[in-house]
């Protein structure tokens, strides 16, 4: 079950989290640009920029955390059919 069903699901979740991380990073950069252009405007708070940056970093790191988790639980010599932290094409 681990190699036939959970592996592709983990690949999809890893891909979605990576894409969401990139989107959050773009949102953080856009918020930084808006904040730098008008420092008196309080529509973009510093906490929002920090939150978006941390969320982006966490979402991009999820595939690597999956790799570490699989290696820790099943060992480095285990048959890892899918969850290894690499982004692949979904056939």
Protein backbone atom coordinates (compact mmCIF):
# COMPACT_ATOMS: atom_id res chain seq x y z
CA UNK A 1 0.00 0.00 0.00
CA UNK A 2 2.82 2.39 0.81
CA UNK A 3 4.39 2.19 -2.64
CA UNK A 4 1.25 1.97 -4.75
CA UNK A 5 -1.14 4.46 -3.13
CA UNK A 6 0.64 6.69 -0.66
CA UNK A 7 3.64 7.41 -2.88
CA UNK A 8 1.76 9.24 -5.65
CA UNK A 9 -0.37 11.05 -3.06
CA UNK A 10 2.81 12.26 -1.37
CA UNK A 11 4.17 13.42 -4.74
CA UNK A 12 1.01 15.42 -5.39
CA UNK A 13 1.06 16.95 -1.90
CA UNK A 14 4.75 17.79 -2.28
CA UNK A 15 4.13 19.47 -5.63
CA UNK A 16 1.14 21.42 -4.31
CA UNK A 17 3.08 22.58 -1.26
CA UNK A 18 6.03 23.67 -3.40
CA UNK A 19 3.78 25.67 -5.74
CA UNK A 20 1.96 27.25 -2.78
CA UNK A 21 5.35 28.14 -1.28
CA UNK A 22 6.33 29.96 -4.45
CA UNK A 23 2.98 31.79 -4.47
CA UNK A 24 3.43 32.84 -0.83
CA UNK A 25 6.96 34.04 -1.61
CA UNK A 26 5.67 36.17 -4.49
CA UNK A 27 2.95 37.58 -2.23
CA UNK A 28 5.58 38.43 0.42
CA UNK A 29 7.78 40.20 -2.13
CA UNK A 30 4.82 42.16 -3.48
CA UNK A 31 3.85 43.17 0.08
CA UNK A 32 7.44 44.29 0.73
CA UNK A 33 7.41 46.39 -2.44
CA UNK A 34 4.08 47.98 -1.49
CA UNK A 35 5.35 48.65 2.05
CA UNK A 36 8.57 50.25 0.78
CA UNK A 37 6.76 52.58 -1.60
CA UNK A 38 4.49 54.03 1.06
CA UNK A 39 5.84 53.73 4.58
CA UNK A 40 2.98 55.75 6.09
CA UNK A 41 0.33 53.42 4.65
CA UNK A 42 -0.67 50.90 7.29
CA UNK A 43 -2.50 48.55 4.90
CA UNK A 44 0.54 46.25 4.75
CA UNK A 45 1.74 45.33 8.23
CA UNK A 46 5.20 44.01 8.95
CA UNK A 47 3.67 40.96 10.63
CA UNK A 48 1.88 40.01 7.42
CA UNK A 49 5.13 40.17 5.47
CA UNK A 50 6.86 38.04 8.08
CA UNK A 51 3.98 35.54 8.15
CA UNK A 52 4.00 35.18 4.36
CA UNK A 53 7.78 34.71 4.32
CA UNK A 54 7.70 32.01 7.01
CA UNK A 55 4.78 30.25 5.30
CA UNK A 56 6.65 30.29 1.98
CA UNK A 57 9.77 28.80 3.56
CA UNK A 58 7.78 26.08 5.31
CA UNK A 59 5.78 25.13 2.22
CA UNK A 60 8.88 24.90 0.02
CA UNK A 61 10.62 22.74 2.66
CA UNK A 62 7.81 20.15 3.00
CA UNK A 63 9.16 17.77 0.29
CA UNK A 64 12.54 17.69 2.04
CA UNK A 65 10.86 17.08 5.41
CA UNK A 66 9.02 14.14 3.83
CA UNK A 67 12.35 12.72 2.71
CA UNK A 68 13.83 13.05 6.20
CA UNK A 69 10.72 11.49 7.74
CA UNK A 70 10.77 8.48 5.44
CA UNK A 71 14.49 7.95 5.96
CA UNK A 72 14.05 8.23 9.75
CA UNK A 73 11.09 5.86 10.01
CA UNK A 74 11.96 3.24 7.39
CA UNK A 75 15.75 3.62 7.26
CA UNK A 76 17.99 4.69 4.42
CA UNK A 77 18.02 1.24 2.81
CA UNK A 78 14.23 0.99 2.62
CA UNK A 79 12.43 0.72 -0.70
CA UNK A 80 11.42 4.32 -1.26
CA UNK A 81 9.30 4.21 -4.35
CA UNK A 82 8.19 7.80 -4.25
CA UNK A 83 8.61 9.94 -1.15
CA UNK A 84 12.19 11.10 -1.49
CA UNK A 85 11.90 14.89 -1.66
CA UNK A 86 12.38 15.09 -5.43
CA UNK A 87 9.88 16.68 -7.78
CA UNK A 88 9.01 14.42 -10.70
CA UNK A 89 6.54 14.48 -13.56
CA UNK A 90 3.29 12.75 -12.75
CA UNK A 91 2.55 10.19 -15.46
